[in-house]
Amino acid sequence: MSRNIVLAGLQYDNNLGDQAIYMCAYKMLQSLLIDHGICDTEIRKVDLTGRYAKNKNKINRPFRYLKKLYRKLGYKSGLESLPVKEARYVCSRQAAKYIDSDTVAVIFAGGGIVKYKYQQFHIYIDEFTKRADKLGVPVMLNAVGVEGYDADDPECMLLKRALNRDCVKYISTRDDIELLSGKYCENGQKAELVADPVCSLSFMKPLKKKPHEGRIIGLGTVRSGLFIDNDIDFTREDMLKFWSDIITEIKKRGMQCRVFCNGTIDDMHFQDDLAEYMGLSDEEKNELMYVRPTSVGQLARYINGFDAVITGRLHASIIAYSYSVPSVGLVWNDKQRMFGRIIGHPERFIEPADFNAETVIDAVETALKTGYDEEKRRSFTSTTSVFMDRFVRDYLSGQAPADPQ
């Protein structure tokens, strides 16, 4: 059997931001292996949650019994809904199936997985690093999001122990490097702040700008309960009025707009609710609202076709950044604030207290005038590949260790 690298992530998530992360990490790794002349190593694609097809929240064949468990106990589809014991069983089976004696590295593709309050990613990380540690396989976590720390929470401490196993050599984060280095990492791992892999999307999937009259603003909607679920007093009714006012204000200022989403079904349902709230005919809805994207390429084409974007989804902002489209983000957690600070435009990420049409469109018009510092954007984007290259050199190429600086 040939050597293999396990690339683990959320490659089949309905949220196309997670699919974009996985795709970009895969292409980045593939390119680095070629650069280092590593031709005898396959990249083994692994979806952490056991899904086997795009946009399917289904568990892999070895876990078909879980479908009966869903029906019997009334759980929603998706691994995060399972009790801890069942989730751990699924994760341990995934790790045992894919990490074997021919595995030379395990790489987590990225995304907001260093967290412990929900989605059970701490269990995935624990099981995969446990298996890698047993076999002496080096592990890298690539451009992960770091969300919270609590020394009194046993789930957080489980996550910390997993990240400090001897097998974990490199960890890069897209956001909170202080929390990662200061609280989680205590075993000499190399840790660094890098760009989200999706910042590289425009280099991997170049798109031409199609000319159009006037300015078109993309409006990236989110599910109706997103803000309430994150302890922000911004209800479904508030959201409907807000987006309706945004559309009115954009037209008032002589611009056009199109509504889109990142691919999740719940986000699309809110888009339907908005059309009903505004009393749109089918023809008006079809003209104003794009159909739900089902691929990263389709979402990228939507965003690249706008002059600016207003969105509540982080990866809509990151895709916009990749294609040099100014974006204004609607903040519902720290990862958006941190992205704004990191790219040098915190003023483009609007806090809930300022969720009103005039303030948001003022920010859009300012962003349209200033754009991005292109040299800084290209330089920052390269940091992800540079850090991954060090891991490949140190643990896969057989060359001398890279200079950590």
Foldseek 3Di string as FASTA:
>chain_A
DFAEEEAEFACADLQQLRVLLSVLLVVLVVVLCVVLVNDRYYYHYYYQQQDDHHPDLDHHPVPPVVVVVCVVVVFDRHLQRDPPVVSLVSLLVRLVVPDDLRYQEYEYSEEAQQDFPTPRSLSNLLNNLVSCLVNVHAYEYFAYAHDDADPPDVRNVSSLVSCQRPRYAEYEHQFDQCCCVVPRYDNNHHYYHAHRSSLCVCVVPPDDADDDPFFEEEEEFDAQCLQVVLVHPQGSVNVLVLVVQQQVVQVVVPHHYAYAYSRDPRRVVSLVVSCVVVVHDPVRSPVRYDDRDRHPVVLLVVLLHGQEYEYQDPSSCSSCLSSQRHYAYEDRDCVNCRNCVVQPHSVSYDYPVPSHNVSNVVSVVVCSVPGGPVVSSVVRSCRSSVSVSQVCQPRPSPHDHDDSD
